[in-house]
N, C-alpha and C. Protein backbone atom coordinates (compact mmCIF):
# COMPACT_ATOMS: atom_id res chain seq x y z
N UNK A 1 0.78 -1.29 -0.10
CA UNK A 1 -0.05 0.07 -0.12
C UNK A 1 0.87 1.23 0.12
N UNK A 2 0.50 2.13 -0.87
CA UNK A 2 1.19 3.60 -0.84
C UNK A 2 0.83 4.28 0.45
N UNK A 3 1.45 5.34 0.82
CA UNK A 3 1.20 6.10 1.90
C UNK A 3 -0.09 6.79 1.93
N UNK A 4 -0.59 7.08 0.76
CA UNK A 4 -1.91 7.80 0.47
C UNK A 4 -3.01 6.66 0.83
N UNK A 5 -2.78 5.58 0.41
CA UNK A 5 -3.83 4.36 0.78
C UNK A 5 -3.75 4.05 2.06
N UNK A 6 -2.65 4.07 2.95
CA UNK A 6 -2.57 3.79 4.32
C UNK A 6 -3.26 4.82 5.01
N UNK A 7 -3.03 5.99 4.79
CA UNK A 7 -3.83 7.25 5.43
C UNK A 7 -5.36 7.11 5.06
N UNK A 8 -5.56 6.84 3.84
CA UNK A 8 -7.04 6.88 3.31
C UNK A 8 -7.84 5.79 3.75
N UNK A 9 -7.10 4.65 4.25
CA UNK A 9 -8.02 3.48 4.47
C UNK A 9 -9.02 3.62 5.57
N UNK A 10 -8.82 4.65 6.51
CA UNK A 10 -9.76 5.01 7.62
C UNK A 10 -10.74 5.72 6.99
N UNK A 11 -10.52 6.81 6.06
CA UNK A 11 -11.50 7.51 5.33
C UNK A 11 -12.42 6.57 4.64
N UNK A 12 -11.87 5.64 4.17
CA UNK A 12 -12.65 4.76 3.05
C UNK A 12 -13.76 3.84 4.11
N UNK A 13 -13.09 3.40 5.28
CA UNK A 13 -13.93 2.40 6.08
C UNK A 13 -15.18 3.23 6.63
N UNK A 14 -14.89 4.59 7.16
CA UNK A 14 -15.74 5.13 7.83
C UNK A 14 -16.75 5.98 6.81
N UNK A 15 -16.27 6.00 5.58
CA UNK A 15 -16.97 6.81 4.55
C UNK A 15 -16.95 8.28 4.91
N UNK A 16 -15.82 8.83 5.00
CA UNK A 16 -15.52 10.11 5.48
C UNK A 16 -15.52 11.07 4.25
N UNK A 17 -15.37 10.53 3.08
CA UNK A 17 -15.28 11.42 1.74
C UNK A 17 -16.55 11.22 0.93
N UNK A 18 -17.05 12.21 0.26
CA UNK A 18 -18.00 12.15 -0.68
C UNK A 18 -17.54 11.51 -1.97
N UNK A 19 -16.23 11.86 -2.46
CA UNK A 19 -15.79 11.28 -3.63
C UNK A 19 -14.35 11.29 -3.68
N UNK A 20 -13.55 11.10 -4.81
CA UNK A 20 -12.29 10.75 -4.88
C UNK A 20 -11.44 12.19 -4.57
N UNK A 21 -12.00 13.24 -5.14
CA UNK A 21 -11.29 14.51 -5.07
C UNK A 21 -11.28 14.81 -3.45
N UNK A 22 -12.48 14.76 -2.82
CA UNK A 22 -12.29 15.08 -1.30
C UNK A 22 -11.48 14.10 -0.58
N UNK A 23 -11.60 12.97 -0.98
CA UNK A 23 -10.69 11.91 -0.22
C UNK A 23 -9.09 12.24 -0.51
N UNK A 24 -8.70 12.55 -1.77
CA UNK A 24 -7.35 13.05 -1.99
C UNK A 24 -6.93 14.47 -1.35
N UNK A 25 -7.98 15.24 -1.31
CA UNK A 25 -7.58 16.53 -0.45
C UNK A 25 -7.39 16.32 0.97
N UNK A 26 -8.26 15.37 1.59
CA UNK A 26 -7.97 15.00 3.08
C UNK A 26 -6.75 14.44 3.23
N UNK A 27 -6.44 13.48 2.35
CA UNK A 27 -5.09 12.62 2.59
C UNK A 27 -3.90 13.75 2.55
N UNK A 28 -4.00 14.64 1.59
CA UNK A 28 -2.95 15.83 1.61
C UNK A 28 -3.07 16.58 2.67
N UNK A 29 -4.02 16.99 3.22
CA UNK A 29 -4.20 17.75 4.44
C UNK A 29 -3.56 16.96 5.74
N UNK A 30 -3.83 15.80 5.65
CA UNK A 30 -3.41 15.06 6.93
C UNK A 30 -1.78 14.84 6.83
N UNK A 31 -1.24 14.68 5.66
CA UNK A 31 0.08 14.61 5.34
C UNK A 31 0.69 15.86 5.70
N UNK A 32 0.18 17.07 5.34
CA UNK A 32 0.73 18.25 5.81
C UNK A 32 0.72 18.74 7.16
N UNK A 33 -0.18 18.14 7.93
CA UNK A 33 -0.28 18.34 9.29
C UNK A 33 0.87 17.62 10.05
N UNK A 34 1.31 16.63 9.52
CA UNK A 34 2.35 15.90 10.26
C UNK A 34 3.77 16.07 9.51
N UNK A 35 3.82 17.03 8.60
CA UNK A 35 5.18 17.60 8.02
C UNK A 35 5.44 16.82 6.97
N UNK A 36 4.64 16.15 6.23
CA UNK A 36 4.88 15.52 4.88
C UNK A 36 4.28 16.36 3.69
N UNK A 37 4.56 16.00 2.51
CA UNK A 37 4.10 16.85 1.43
C UNK A 37 3.23 15.82 0.59
N UNK A 38 2.67 16.54 -0.41
CA UNK A 38 1.78 15.90 -1.43
C UNK A 38 2.55 14.66 -2.14
N UNK A 39 3.71 14.91 -2.62
CA UNK A 39 4.37 13.78 -3.30
C UNK A 39 4.68 12.43 -2.54
N UNK A 40 4.51 12.68 -1.15
CA UNK A 40 4.82 11.45 -0.24
C UNK A 40 3.66 10.48 -0.52
N UNK A 41 2.48 11.09 -0.86
CA UNK A 41 1.43 10.12 -0.81
C UNK A 41 1.52 8.90 -1.83
N UNK A 42 2.40 8.97 -2.82
CA UNK A 42 2.50 8.10 -3.89
C UNK A 42 3.68 7.10 -3.62
N UNK A 43 4.27 7.35 -2.56
CA UNK A 43 5.45 6.47 -1.97
C UNK A 43 5.07 5.45 -1.16
N UNK A 44 6.06 4.58 -0.96
CA UNK A 44 5.89 3.35 -0.22
C UNK A 44 6.56 3.47 1.33
N UNK A 45 6.02 2.80 2.27
CA UNK A 45 6.75 3.09 3.48
C UNK A 45 8.23 2.80 3.74
N UNK A 46 8.76 1.87 2.97
CA UNK A 46 10.06 1.27 2.95
C UNK A 46 11.08 2.40 2.34
N UNK A 47 10.34 3.28 1.71
CA UNK A 47 11.13 4.56 1.08
C UNK A 47 11.34 5.68 2.17
N UNK A 48 10.72 5.53 3.20
CA UNK A 48 10.86 6.78 4.31
C UNK A 48 11.91 6.26 5.47
N UNK A 49 12.25 7.29 6.23
CA UNK A 49 12.92 7.01 7.53
C UNK A 49 12.03 6.66 8.55
N UNK A 50 12.73 6.28 9.67
CA UNK A 50 11.85 5.79 10.97
C UNK A 50 10.90 6.76 11.29
N UNK A 51 11.54 8.14 11.39
CA UNK A 51 10.62 9.34 11.83
C UNK A 51 9.64 9.58 10.89
N UNK A 52 9.90 9.36 9.54
CA UNK A 52 8.82 9.77 8.61
C UNK A 52 7.70 8.82 8.68
N UNK A 53 8.04 7.44 9.06
CA UNK A 53 6.94 6.40 9.02
C UNK A 53 6.26 6.66 10.18
N UNK A 54 6.76 7.02 11.35
CA UNK A 54 5.90 7.47 12.37
C UNK A 54 4.90 8.57 12.24
N UNK A 55 5.27 9.43 11.37
CA UNK A 55 4.35 10.56 10.94
C UNK A 55 3.37 10.15 10.18
N UNK A 56 3.51 9.00 9.46
CA UNK A 56 2.61 8.49 8.56
C UNK A 56 1.48 7.74 9.32
N UNK A 57 1.89 7.11 10.42
CA UNK A 57 1.17 6.36 11.55
C UNK A 57 0.09 7.32 12.26
N UNK A 58 0.89 8.49 12.51
CA UNK A 58 0.16 9.66 13.18
C UNK A 58 -1.01 10.22 12.14
N UNK A 59 -0.66 10.43 10.93
CA UNK A 59 -1.65 10.92 9.97
C UNK A 59 -2.84 9.99 9.98
N UNK A 60 -2.47 8.80 9.93
CA UNK A 60 -3.53 7.68 9.73
C UNK A 60 -4.37 7.67 11.07
N UNK A 61 -3.97 7.73 12.20
CA UNK A 61 -4.74 8.08 13.51
C UNK A 61 -5.66 9.25 13.41
N UNK A 62 -5.11 10.26 12.72
CA UNK A 62 -5.85 11.51 12.74
C UNK A 62 -6.93 11.62 11.65
N UNK A 63 -6.92 10.51 10.67
CA UNK A 63 -7.89 10.52 9.68
C UNK A 63 -9.38 10.54 10.06
N UNK A 64 -9.76 10.04 11.24
CA UNK A 64 -11.03 9.97 11.69
C UNK A 64 -11.54 11.18 12.65
N UNK A 65 -10.60 12.10 12.56
CA UNK A 65 -10.89 13.20 13.42
C UNK A 65 -11.11 12.84 14.98
N UNK A 66 -10.31 12.16 15.75
CA UNK A 66 -10.48 11.72 16.90
C UNK A 66 -10.17 12.80 18.02
N UNK A 67 -10.83 12.51 19.16
CA UNK A 67 -10.61 13.54 20.46
C UNK A 67 -9.74 12.80 21.37
N UNK A 68 -9.49 11.43 21.18
CA UNK A 68 -8.56 10.85 22.24
C UNK A 68 -7.83 9.73 21.45
N UNK A 69 -6.51 9.90 21.59
CA UNK A 69 -5.47 9.01 20.92
C UNK A 69 -4.60 8.27 21.91
N UNK A 70 -4.41 6.88 21.79
CA UNK A 70 -3.72 6.28 22.66
C UNK A 70 -2.33 5.94 21.84
N UNK A 71 -1.19 6.66 22.52
CA UNK A 71 0.01 6.56 21.98
C UNK A 71 0.95 5.70 22.57
N UNK A 72 1.15 4.39 22.27
CA UNK A 72 1.70 3.11 22.95
C UNK A 72 3.22 3.18 22.33
N UNK A 73 4.21 3.67 23.26
CA UNK A 73 5.49 3.80 23.05
C UNK A 73 5.83 4.31 21.49
N UNK A 74 5.23 5.64 21.13
CA UNK A 74 5.48 6.10 19.77
C UNK A 74 6.83 6.53 19.43
N UNK A 75 7.67 6.53 20.34
CA UNK A 75 9.04 7.28 19.87
C UNK A 75 10.24 6.37 20.22
N UNK A 76 9.95 5.26 20.85
CA UNK A 76 10.78 4.26 21.43
C UNK A 76 12.00 3.65 20.41
N UNK A 77 11.49 3.59 19.08
CA UNK A 77 12.51 3.01 17.94
C UNK A 77 13.26 4.25 17.30
N UNK A 78 13.16 5.29 17.80
CA UNK A 78 13.62 6.45 16.97
C UNK A 78 14.74 7.11 17.61
N UNK A 79 15.79 7.71 16.89
CA UNK A 79 16.81 8.43 17.29
C UNK A 79 16.42 9.51 18.40
N UNK A 80 17.20 10.07 19.19
CA UNK A 80 17.02 11.02 20.13
C UNK A 80 16.53 12.40 19.39
N UNK A 81 17.17 12.78 18.38
CA UNK A 81 16.96 13.95 17.91
C UNK A 81 15.47 14.00 16.97
N UNK A 82 15.21 12.84 16.56
CA UNK A 82 13.91 12.48 15.88
C UNK A 82 12.76 12.43 16.87
N UNK A 83 13.20 11.92 18.02
CA UNK A 83 12.19 11.78 19.10
C UNK A 83 11.66 13.15 19.63
N UNK A 84 12.62 14.15 19.65
CA UNK A 84 12.18 15.45 19.80
C UNK A 84 11.33 16.27 18.83
N UNK A 85 11.61 15.76 17.66
CA UNK A 85 10.79 16.44 16.59
C UNK A 85 9.51 15.87 16.75
N UNK A 86 9.39 14.67 16.86
CA UNK A 86 7.91 13.91 16.93
C UNK A 86 7.25 14.17 18.16
N UNK A 87 8.00 14.46 19.21
CA UNK A 87 7.20 14.91 20.52
C UNK A 87 6.72 16.36 20.32
N UNK A 88 7.38 17.24 19.74
CA UNK A 88 7.02 18.60 19.53
C UNK A 88 5.83 18.55 18.65
N UNK A 89 5.87 17.77 17.69
CA UNK A 89 4.79 17.68 16.68
C UNK A 89 3.47 17.22 17.35
N UNK A 90 3.58 16.33 18.38
CA UNK A 90 2.51 15.86 19.08
C UNK A 90 1.87 17.04 19.91
N UNK A 91 2.74 17.77 20.34
CA UNK A 91 2.32 18.97 21.16
C UNK A 91 1.57 19.86 20.24
N UNK A 92 2.22 20.21 19.08
CA UNK A 92 1.65 21.31 18.11
C UNK A 92 0.07 20.64 17.63
N UNK A 93 0.11 19.43 17.41
CA UNK A 93 -1.06 18.82 16.92
C UNK A 93 -2.34 18.72 18.23
N UNK A 94 -1.73 18.58 19.20
CA UNK A 94 -2.74 18.75 20.45
C UNK A 94 -3.28 20.08 20.52
N UNK A 95 -2.54 21.22 20.51
CA UNK A 95 -2.88 22.47 20.40
C UNK A 95 -3.91 23.02 19.44
N UNK A 96 -3.44 22.56 18.05
CA UNK A 96 -4.13 22.85 16.98
C UNK A 96 -5.53 22.21 17.14
N UNK A 97 -5.64 20.91 17.57
CA UNK A 97 -6.94 20.10 17.15
C UNK A 97 -7.62 19.74 18.52
N UNK A 98 -7.10 20.29 19.66
CA UNK A 98 -7.68 20.03 21.01
C UNK A 98 -7.71 18.40 21.31
N UNK A 99 -6.64 17.72 21.00
CA UNK A 99 -6.64 16.21 21.29
C UNK A 99 -6.16 15.92 22.72
N UNK A 100 -6.60 14.70 23.14
CA UNK A 100 -6.22 14.31 24.43
C UNK A 100 -5.35 12.93 24.08
N UNK A 101 -4.19 12.80 24.85
CA UNK A 101 -3.37 11.70 24.54
C UNK A 101 -3.23 10.77 25.72
N UNK A 102 -3.31 9.55 25.47
CA UNK A 102 -2.82 8.63 26.55
C UNK A 102 -1.39 8.21 26.10
N UNK A 103 -0.38 8.65 26.66
CA UNK A 103 1.02 8.63 26.15
C UNK A 103 1.57 7.54 27.09
N UNK A 104 1.81 6.39 26.53
CA UNK A 104 2.46 5.08 27.14
C UNK A 104 3.98 5.16 26.86
N UNK A 105 4.96 5.21 27.94
CA UNK A 105 6.16 5.06 27.64
C UNK A 105 7.00 4.78 28.72
N UNK A 106 8.33 4.19 28.62
CA UNK A 106 9.03 3.72 29.65
C UNK A 106 10.14 5.00 29.81
N UNK A 107 10.16 6.06 28.79
CA UNK A 107 11.05 7.16 28.98
C UNK A 107 10.35 8.28 29.78
N UNK A 108 10.92 8.26 31.02
CA UNK A 108 10.24 9.35 31.97
C UNK A 108 10.70 10.77 31.55
N UNK A 109 11.82 11.00 30.96
CA UNK A 109 12.04 12.27 30.35
C UNK A 109 11.05 12.72 29.40
N UNK A 110 10.68 11.95 28.56
CA UNK A 110 9.85 12.46 27.47
C UNK A 110 8.42 12.43 28.29
N UNK A 111 7.97 11.47 29.09
CA UNK A 111 6.71 11.50 29.62
C UNK A 111 6.61 12.81 30.51
N UNK A 112 7.46 13.26 31.27
CA UNK A 112 7.19 14.47 32.04
C UNK A 112 7.18 15.74 31.35
N UNK A 113 7.78 15.64 30.00
CA UNK A 113 7.79 16.78 29.09
C UNK A 113 6.48 16.94 28.48
N UNK A 114 5.68 15.77 28.03
CA UNK A 114 4.57 16.00 27.22
C UNK A 114 3.51 15.85 28.13
N UNK A 115 3.47 15.44 29.29
CA UNK A 115 2.23 14.98 30.03
C UNK A 115 1.71 16.09 31.03
N UNK A 116 0.53 16.22 31.20
CA UNK A 116 -0.11 16.93 32.19
C UNK A 116 -0.23 16.14 33.55
N UNK A 117 -0.50 14.91 33.43
CA UNK A 117 -0.76 14.07 34.59
C UNK A 117 -0.06 12.64 34.25
N UNK A 118 0.55 12.00 35.20
CA UNK A 118 1.33 11.03 34.93
C UNK A 118 0.86 9.86 35.93
N UNK A 119 0.59 8.68 35.54
CA UNK A 119 0.25 7.42 36.32
C UNK A 119 1.54 6.48 36.05
N UNK A 120 2.00 5.94 37.32
CA UNK A 120 3.26 4.99 37.27
C UNK A 120 2.55 3.65 37.44
N UNK A 121 3.00 2.60 36.64
CA UNK A 121 2.53 1.39 36.76
C UNK A 121 3.56 0.41 36.99
N UNK A 122 3.33 -0.65 37.97
CA UNK A 122 4.30 -1.77 38.11
C UNK A 122 3.46 -3.18 38.05
N UNK A 123 3.97 -3.86 37.07
CA UNK A 123 3.37 -5.21 36.79
C UNK A 123 1.76 -5.11 36.64
N UNK A 124 1.40 -4.12 35.87
CA UNK A 124 0.12 -4.05 35.51
C UNK A 124 -0.90 -3.21 36.58
N UNK A 125 -0.37 -2.65 37.59
CA UNK A 125 -1.05 -2.01 38.60
C UNK A 125 -0.51 -0.49 38.87
N UNK A 126 -1.59 0.43 38.80
CA UNK A 126 -0.93 1.76 39.18
C UNK A 126 -0.65 1.90 40.61
N UNK A 127 0.77 2.55 40.75
CA UNK A 127 1.15 2.67 42.15
C UNK A 127 1.23 4.12 42.51
N UNK A 128 1.25 5.01 41.54
CA UNK A 128 1.20 6.54 41.84
C UNK A 128 0.69 7.20 40.69
N UNK A 129 -0.23 8.43 41.01
CA UNK A 129 -0.67 9.25 40.05
C UNK A 129 -0.88 10.69 40.64
N UNK A 130 -0.23 11.52 39.67
CA UNK A 130 -0.28 13.05 40.05
C UNK A 130 0.05 13.88 38.94
N UNK A 131 -0.07 15.12 39.12
CA UNK A 131 0.30 15.98 37.99
C UNK A 131 1.75 15.89 37.65
N UNK A 132 2.07 16.15 36.51
CA UNK A 132 3.58 15.84 35.95
C UNK A 132 4.60 16.44 37.07
N UNK A 133 4.47 17.79 37.31
CA UNK A 133 5.43 18.39 37.97
C UNK A 133 5.34 17.88 39.58
N UNK A 134 4.23 17.69 40.02
CA UNK A 134 4.05 17.18 41.37
C UNK A 134 4.83 15.80 41.45
N UNK A 135 4.62 14.99 40.50
CA UNK A 135 5.19 13.73 40.54
C UNK A 135 6.45 13.61 40.29
N UNK A 136 6.99 14.58 39.69
CA UNK A 136 8.56 14.62 39.33
C UNK A 136 9.23 14.98 40.41
N UNK A 137 8.71 16.08 41.17
CA UNK A 137 9.47 16.65 42.33
C UNK A 137 8.96 16.20 43.73
N UNK A 138 7.91 15.65 43.88
CA UNK A 138 7.24 15.17 45.00
C UNK A 138 6.69 13.80 45.13
N UNK A 139 7.34 12.96 44.35
CA UNK A 139 6.81 11.63 44.25
C UNK A 139 7.02 10.95 45.61
N UNK A 140 6.17 10.12 46.04
CA UNK A 140 6.00 9.29 47.36
C UNK A 140 6.28 7.82 47.43
N UNK A 141 5.87 7.10 46.31
CA UNK A 141 5.97 5.68 46.06
C UNK A 141 7.61 5.29 45.86
N UNK A 142 8.04 4.33 46.51
CA UNK A 142 9.52 3.82 46.49
C UNK A 142 9.71 3.47 44.91
N UNK A 143 8.63 3.02 44.23
CA UNK A 143 9.08 2.49 42.69
C UNK A 143 9.24 3.77 42.02
N UNK A 144 8.35 4.72 42.02
CA UNK A 144 8.51 6.11 41.44
C UNK A 144 9.69 6.70 41.64
N UNK A 145 9.99 6.99 42.90
CA UNK A 145 11.47 7.40 43.28
C UNK A 145 12.45 6.89 42.66
N UNK A 146 12.51 5.52 42.60
CA UNK A 146 13.72 4.84 41.76
C UNK A 146 13.66 5.27 40.23
N UNK A 147 12.54 5.28 39.60
CA UNK A 147 12.38 5.68 38.35
C UNK A 147 13.03 7.05 37.95
N UNK A 148 12.49 7.97 38.87
CA UNK A 148 13.00 9.32 38.65
C UNK A 148 14.40 9.57 38.97
N UNK A 149 14.93 8.77 39.85
CA UNK A 149 16.44 8.93 40.14
C UNK A 149 17.37 8.53 39.03
N UNK A 150 16.54 7.68 38.13
CA UNK A 150 17.41 7.12 36.85
C UNK A 150 17.31 8.18 35.47
N UNK A 151 16.52 9.27 35.69
CA UNK A 151 16.36 9.98 34.69
C UNK A 151 17.93 10.84 34.63
N UNK A 152 18.52 10.73 33.31
CA UNK A 152 19.79 11.48 33.12
C UNK A 152 19.48 13.01 33.28
N UNK A 153 20.73 13.52 33.99
CA UNK A 153 20.49 15.03 34.22
C UNK A 153 21.87 15.62 33.33
N UNK A 154 21.21 16.58 32.63
CA UNK A 154 22.35 17.27 31.75
C UNK A 154 23.38 18.04 32.60
N UNK A 155 23.10 18.51 33.72
CA UNK A 155 24.08 19.24 34.53
C UNK A 155 25.04 18.36 35.18
N UNK A 156 26.43 18.43 35.01
CA UNK A 156 27.26 17.44 35.68
C UNK A 156 27.36 17.74 37.26
N UNK A 157 27.11 18.93 37.64
CA UNK A 157 27.18 19.25 39.22
C UNK A 157 26.03 18.79 39.71
N UNK A 158 24.95 18.89 39.16
CA UNK A 158 23.63 18.18 39.87
C UNK A 158 23.70 16.69 39.63
N UNK A 159 24.19 16.35 38.66
CA UNK A 159 24.35 14.90 38.45
C UNK A 159 25.16 14.13 39.39
N UNK A 160 26.20 14.77 39.71
CA UNK A 160 27.18 14.36 40.79
C UNK A 160 26.51 14.20 42.24
N UNK A 161 25.78 15.23 42.45
CA UNK A 161 25.11 15.29 43.85
C UNK A 161 23.76 14.50 43.78
N UNK A 162 23.24 14.06 42.71
CA UNK A 162 22.01 13.25 42.78
C UNK A 162 22.36 11.68 43.11
N UNK A 163 21.46 11.19 43.87
CA UNK A 163 21.67 9.63 44.27
C UNK A 163 20.75 8.86 43.41
N UNK A 164 21.44 7.77 42.95
CA UNK A 164 20.52 6.90 42.08
C UNK A 164 20.00 5.82 43.07
N UNK A 165 18.80 5.56 42.84
CA UNK A 165 18.18 4.42 43.87
C UNK A 165 17.98 3.18 43.01
N UNK A 166 18.94 2.12 43.19
CA UNK A 166 18.88 0.89 42.54
C UNK A 166 18.05 0.01 43.23
N UNK A 167 17.26 -0.51 42.45
CA UNK A 167 16.44 -1.66 43.09
C UNK A 167 16.96 -3.16 43.04
N UNK A 168 16.79 -3.83 44.15
CA UNK A 168 17.41 -5.18 44.15
C UNK A 168 16.48 -6.26 43.39
N UNK A 169 17.14 -7.11 42.96
CA UNK A 169 16.26 -8.31 42.53
C UNK A 169 15.71 -8.22 41.20
N UNK A 170 15.06 -9.29 40.55
CA UNK A 170 14.39 -9.11 39.27
C UNK A 170 12.93 -8.91 39.25
N UNK A 171 12.45 -8.33 37.99
CA UNK A 171 10.98 -8.18 38.20
C UNK A 171 10.30 -9.58 38.14
N UNK A 172 9.37 -9.89 38.93
CA UNK A 172 8.61 -10.89 38.99
C UNK A 172 7.86 -11.32 37.62
N UNK A 173 7.21 -12.32 37.47
CA UNK A 173 6.58 -12.81 36.37
C UNK A 173 5.22 -12.04 36.43
N UNK A 174 4.59 -11.14 35.36
CA UNK A 174 3.28 -10.80 35.50
C UNK A 174 2.16 -11.83 35.42
N UNK A 175 2.65 -12.96 34.96
CA UNK A 175 1.75 -14.26 34.97
C UNK A 175 1.27 -14.51 36.19
N UNK A 176 2.56 -14.49 37.06
CA UNK A 176 2.27 -15.20 38.55
C UNK A 176 2.90 -14.11 39.41
N UNK A 177 2.15 -12.97 39.65
CA UNK A 177 2.63 -11.82 40.50
C UNK A 177 2.64 -12.30 41.96
N UNK A 178 3.63 -11.57 42.64
CA UNK A 178 3.57 -11.69 44.26
C UNK A 178 2.28 -11.37 44.79
N UNK A 179 1.96 -11.91 45.95
CA UNK A 179 0.72 -11.72 46.67
C UNK A 179 0.84 -10.42 47.21
N UNK A 180 -0.28 -9.85 47.64
CA UNK A 180 -0.22 -8.38 48.45
C UNK A 180 0.18 -7.38 47.30
N UNK A 181 1.08 -6.66 47.80
CA UNK A 181 1.59 -5.48 47.00
C UNK A 181 2.65 -6.12 46.00
N UNK A 182 2.42 -5.85 44.69
CA UNK A 182 3.31 -6.56 43.58
C UNK A 182 4.59 -5.98 43.69
N UNK A 183 4.90 -4.94 44.36
CA UNK A 183 6.32 -4.31 44.37
C UNK A 183 7.14 -4.83 45.42
N UNK A 184 6.45 -5.48 46.30
CA UNK A 184 7.07 -6.00 47.69
C UNK A 184 8.37 -6.67 47.56
N UNK A 185 8.66 -7.52 46.35
CA UNK A 185 9.73 -8.35 46.38
C UNK A 185 11.03 -7.41 46.08
N UNK A 186 10.79 -6.33 45.55
CA UNK A 186 11.92 -5.28 45.47
C UNK A 186 11.88 -4.03 46.18
N UNK A 187 11.07 -4.02 47.14
CA UNK A 187 10.77 -2.81 47.82
C UNK A 187 11.65 -2.97 49.32
N UNK A 188 12.48 -1.94 49.60
CA UNK A 188 13.21 -1.82 50.96
C UNK A 188 12.33 -1.72 51.97
N UNK A 189 11.07 -1.30 51.94
CA UNK A 189 10.22 -1.00 53.07
C UNK A 189 9.24 -2.17 53.35
N UNK A 190 9.23 -3.27 52.49
CA UNK A 190 8.28 -4.31 52.59
C UNK A 190 8.34 -5.13 53.86
N UNK A 191 7.17 -5.61 54.50
CA UNK A 191 7.03 -6.29 55.61
C UNK A 191 5.82 -7.38 55.32
N UNK A 192 5.37 -7.91 56.51
CA UNK A 192 4.37 -9.01 56.35
C UNK A 192 3.16 -8.54 55.92
N UNK A 193 2.68 -7.15 56.25
CA UNK A 193 1.49 -6.51 55.72
C UNK A 193 1.47 -6.39 54.27
N UNK A 194 2.75 -6.17 53.65
CA UNK A 194 2.61 -6.07 52.31
C UNK A 194 2.48 -7.23 51.60
N UNK A 195 2.90 -8.30 52.13
CA UNK A 195 2.55 -9.67 51.45
C UNK A 195 1.08 -10.14 51.66
N UNK A 196 0.64 -9.64 52.74
CA UNK A 196 -0.74 -10.27 53.07
C UNK A 196 -1.93 -9.56 52.33
N UNK A 197 -1.73 -8.28 51.97
CA UNK A 197 -2.89 -7.58 51.42
C UNK A 197 -2.39 -6.59 50.48
N UNK A 198 -3.22 -6.13 49.23
CA UNK A 198 -2.81 -5.20 48.48
C UNK A 198 -3.14 -3.78 48.97
N UNK A 199 -2.09 -2.90 48.85
CA UNK A 199 -2.44 -1.62 49.52
C UNK A 199 -3.51 -0.84 48.68
N UNK A 200 -4.28 0.05 49.36
CA UNK A 200 -5.33 0.83 48.68
C UNK A 200 -4.70 2.08 48.27
N UNK A 201 -5.48 2.79 47.37
CA UNK A 201 -5.31 4.33 46.96
C UNK A 201 -5.32 5.12 48.26
N UNK A 202 -4.29 5.97 48.27
CA UNK A 202 -4.38 7.09 49.36
C UNK A 202 -4.07 8.44 48.70
N UNK A 203 -5.00 9.31 49.03
CA UNK A 203 -4.76 10.70 48.44
C UNK A 203 -3.78 11.49 49.45
N UNK A 204 -2.42 11.62 49.00
CA UNK A 204 -1.43 12.18 49.86
C UNK A 204 -1.45 13.81 49.85
N UNK A 205 -1.98 14.20 48.87
CA UNK A 205 -2.20 15.65 48.55
C UNK A 205 -3.31 15.88 47.44
N UNK A 206 -3.95 16.95 47.49
CA UNK A 206 -4.90 17.16 46.43
C UNK A 206 -4.40 16.72 44.98
N UNK A 207 -5.28 15.68 44.47
CA UNK A 207 -4.91 15.18 43.19
C UNK A 207 -3.73 14.15 43.09
N UNK A 208 -3.13 13.85 44.24
CA UNK A 208 -1.93 13.01 44.17
C UNK A 208 -2.32 11.79 45.09
N UNK A 209 -2.26 10.66 44.27
CA UNK A 209 -2.62 9.39 44.75
C UNK A 209 -1.37 8.41 44.74
N UNK A 210 -1.29 7.44 45.84
CA UNK A 210 -0.28 6.48 45.87
C UNK A 210 -0.88 5.27 46.53
N UNK A 211 -0.37 4.14 46.25
CA UNK A 211 -0.83 2.76 46.85
C UNK A 211 0.38 2.35 47.39
N UNK A 212 0.62 2.49 48.92
CA UNK A 212 1.53 2.04 49.46
C UNK A 212 1.29 2.02 51.08
N UNK A 213 1.71 0.94 51.90
CA UNK A 213 1.44 1.08 53.21
C UNK A 213 2.43 1.85 53.99
N UNK A 214 3.48 2.10 53.45
CA UNK A 214 4.59 2.91 54.14
C UNK A 214 4.92 4.09 53.73
N UNK A 215 4.11 4.90 53.33
CA UNK A 215 4.59 6.21 52.57
C UNK A 215 5.06 7.21 53.57
N UNK A 216 4.83 7.01 54.83
CA UNK A 216 5.42 7.77 55.85
C UNK A 216 6.93 7.36 56.18
N UNK A 217 7.42 6.34 55.63
CA UNK A 217 8.80 5.83 55.91
C UNK A 217 9.70 6.20 54.71
N UNK A 218 8.98 6.41 53.42
CA UNK A 218 9.72 6.50 52.15
C UNK A 218 10.50 7.68 52.16
N UNK A 219 11.80 7.83 51.87
CA UNK A 219 12.79 8.75 52.01
C UNK A 219 13.38 9.09 50.47
């Protein structure tokens, strides 16, 4: 399939164009939105770079005029410089089209840049949820603390003073997770209570939630 057919497939399925001219104009408009031009519509994906192919995928997602888009690791296979371009494009499209994203990523540097609100998951369970800045600077769950400590810092002085929190042990199998709190096998604060039952959500400050029995002990 050409790029034009890939982007136009959703238009065809949902009958969003009255005729071929309207379909063509819509495809060109979508490609333009993501930084591609008219001639790209007649080319094939293997002729594009990774960043350009990602733009084609985003244009395809935009074809049905969505309000909500799930972005599952949308930049993980791209070079760092291309990642920045794609993230900036996401933000521009959000502002222009009023989109809401569910942005799934293991790259916390990118997540904190693009997100208004962040949820941290461990073995399929949410362990902390807060506004982006609140979670970055005032996280309370030991797993979140460990993740944030691993974010690279460009300033060498700050980097030397920052302490990396290294978790012990291996991640358990998600097919057969530990009883109680799923993080307990790697948590320095775990005790018998953590093995006996699953911690409930607690609101530690307005809009900031965490699931842990020992939030008062986490440093």
